[in-house]
Amino acid sequence: MLSSSFPQNPQAMAVTDKAYYVELGRRIAERRRALGMNQTELAEVLGISQQTMANYEAGLVRVAIAMLPTLAQTLGLTIEELIGVGGKTSAKPAPKKRGPAPKIQQQLERVSALPKSKQRVIVQVLDSMLAQTSR
């Protein structure tokens, strides 16, 4: 009988991994909320369903490694900060900012997660409006 070292269910995780993925999901959800995003908006940027995003945040399934760069960028974090190694998260927690980020900052972070073509359109609109206000 052939035995495989891979689990039957690729989404399944060892009990020892569960705590890590719950903590990762907590970091994702916390940062998403701080940016004023809902699960559906973040899921759309990542190209996944809202239900999958909910499962990631609950620590029920593993986040695909290939998704980490886009997820970190969208949330305005380094990959290290997102996964909880190195950087600010390894020694002591970073001091929390007072209150939510200003709305314009949240919007800029969301724009930076868009494809370059959509970013160019938004920049053109902003340039046009700023030019009109300086007249």
Protein backbone atom coordinates (compact mmCIF):
# COMPACT_ATOMS: atom_id res chain seq x y z
CA MET A 1 0.00 0.00 0.00
CA LEU A 2 1.40 3.38 -0.99
CA SER A 3 1.54 6.06 1.64
CA SER A 4 1.69 9.75 0.99
CA SER A 5 3.13 12.39 3.29
CA PHE A 6 0.59 14.91 1.98
CA PRO A 7 -2.74 15.24 3.75
CA GLN A 8 -5.85 13.98 1.97
CA ASN A 9 -7.39 17.44 2.35
CA PRO A 10 -4.89 20.15 1.29
CA GLN A 11 -6.84 22.72 3.34
CA ALA A 12 -6.58 20.60 6.51
CA MET A 13 -4.06 21.67 9.11
CA ALA A 14 -2.38 20.09 12.09
CA VAL A 15 -3.64 21.02 15.53
CA THR A 16 -0.30 22.70 16.21
CA ASP A 17 -0.83 24.98 13.19
CA LYS A 18 -4.34 26.00 14.26
CA ALA A 19 -3.22 28.64 16.78
CA TYR A 20 -0.92 30.24 14.20
CA TYR A 21 -3.68 30.54 11.58
CA VAL A 22 -6.16 31.88 14.13
CA GLU A 23 -3.62 34.59 15.06
CA LEU A 24 -2.89 35.35 11.38
CA GLY A 25 -6.63 35.67 10.74
CA ARG A 26 -6.95 38.00 13.72
CA ARG A 27 -4.16 40.24 12.33
CA ILE A 28 -5.81 40.30 8.90
CA ALA A 29 -9.25 41.15 10.32
CA GLU A 30 -7.87 43.79 12.67
CA ARG A 31 -5.93 45.56 9.94
CA ARG A 32 -8.81 45.28 7.45
CA ARG A 33 -11.16 46.94 9.93
CA ALA A 34 -8.59 49.66 10.70
CA LEU A 35 -8.54 50.48 6.98
CA GLY A 36 -12.33 50.69 6.88
CA MET A 37 -12.70 47.69 4.57
CA ASN A 38 -15.22 44.91 4.84
CA GLN A 39 -14.53 41.26 4.05
CA THR A 40 -16.19 41.50 0.64
CA GLU A 41 -13.98 44.42 -0.44
CA LEU A 42 -10.78 42.69 0.65
CA ALA A 43 -11.88 39.42 -0.92
CA GLU A 44 -12.56 41.22 -4.21
CA VAL A 45 -9.04 42.69 -4.28
CA LEU A 46 -7.61 39.22 -3.62
CA GLY A 47 -9.84 37.49 -6.18
CA ILE A 48 -11.49 35.18 -3.65
CA SER A 49 -14.97 34.81 -2.23
CA GLN A 50 -16.15 36.57 0.91
CA GLN A 51 -16.69 33.16 2.51
CA THR A 52 -13.05 32.22 1.88
CA MET A 53 -11.98 35.54 3.42
CA ALA A 54 -14.14 34.80 6.46
CA ASN A 55 -12.50 31.36 6.76
CA TYR A 56 -9.03 32.95 6.59
CA GLU A 57 -9.91 35.44 9.30
CA ALA A 58 -11.37 32.70 11.50
CA GLY A 59 -8.22 30.60 11.04
CA LEU A 60 -10.22 27.74 9.56
CA VAL A 61 -8.14 27.40 6.39
CA ARG A 62 -4.60 28.29 5.38
CA VAL A 63 -3.93 31.46 3.44
CA ALA A 64 -2.32 30.60 0.10
CA ILE A 65 1.36 31.56 0.11
CA ALA A 66 1.04 33.14 -3.33
CA MET A 67 -1.58 35.49 -1.90
CA LEU A 68 0.63 36.87 0.89
CA PRO A 69 2.36 39.66 -1.12
CA THR A 70 -0.94 41.06 -2.42
CA LEU A 71 -2.62 40.66 0.97
CA ALA A 72 0.25 42.41 2.78
CA GLN A 73 0.36 45.25 0.24
CA THR A 74 -3.40 45.73 0.38
CA LEU A 75 -3.29 45.90 4.17
CA GLY A 76 -0.27 48.23 4.13
CA LEU A 77 1.96 45.73 5.93
CA THR A 78 5.18 43.92 5.16
CA ILE A 79 4.86 40.18 4.71
CA GLU A 80 6.83 39.78 7.93
CA GLU A 81 4.37 41.96 9.84
CA LEU A 82 1.45 40.09 8.32
CA ILE A 83 2.72 36.63 9.21
CA GLY A 84 4.04 37.75 12.58
CA VAL A 85 7.80 37.26 12.23
CA GLY A 86 10.64 39.76 12.30
CA GLY A 87 10.04 43.47 12.11
CA LYS A 88 7.86 45.12 14.68
CA THR A 89 5.88 42.05 15.69
CA SER A 90 8.65 39.77 16.97
CA ALA A 91 9.94 41.71 19.96
CA LYS A 92 7.09 43.77 21.35
CA PRO A 93 3.86 45.04 19.85
CA ALA A 94 4.05 48.40 18.12
CA PRO A 95 2.26 51.20 19.92
CA LYS A 96 -1.27 51.54 18.62
CA LYS A 97 -2.23 54.71 16.80
CA ARG A 98 -4.85 56.84 18.41
CA GLY A 99 -8.16 56.46 16.67
CA PRO A 100 -8.81 55.28 13.14
CA ALA A 101 -6.72 56.40 10.21
CA PRO A 102 -8.01 59.54 8.51
CA LYS A 103 -10.45 58.75 5.74
CA ILE A 104 -8.17 60.15 3.01
CA GLN A 105 -5.37 57.85 4.17
CA GLN A 106 -7.70 54.85 4.06
CA GLN A 107 -8.81 55.82 0.56
CA LEU A 108 -5.22 56.24 -0.63
CA GLU A 109 -4.32 52.81 0.71
CA ARG A 110 -7.29 51.31 -1.12
CA VAL A 111 -6.35 53.11 -4.34
CA SER A 112 -2.78 51.82 -4.08
CA ALA A 113 -4.16 48.26 -4.08
CA LEU A 114 -5.96 48.80 -7.39
CA PRO A 115 -4.49 47.83 -10.77
CA LYS A 116 -2.22 50.51 -12.27
CA SER A 117 -4.71 51.36 -15.03
CA LYS A 118 -7.41 52.20 -12.47
CA GLN A 119 -4.90 54.16 -10.38
CA ARG A 120 -4.04 56.29 -13.44
CA VAL A 121 -7.73 57.16 -13.97
CA ILE A 122 -8.11 58.19 -10.33
CA VAL A 123 -4.92 60.30 -10.49
CA GLN A 124 -6.20 62.04 -13.63
CA VAL A 125 -9.51 62.88 -11.93
CA LEU A 126 -7.70 64.17 -8.84
CA ASP A 127 -5.29 66.25 -10.93
CA SER A 128 -8.20 67.77 -12.81
CA MET A 129 -10.12 68.62 -9.65
CA LEU A 130 -7.05 70.06 -7.92
CA ALA A 131 -6.27 72.19 -10.97
CA GLN A 132 -9.83 73.61 -10.87
CA THR A 133 -9.59 74.49 -7.18
CA SER A 134 -6.32 76.40 -7.64
CA ARG A 135 -7.85 78.76 -10.21
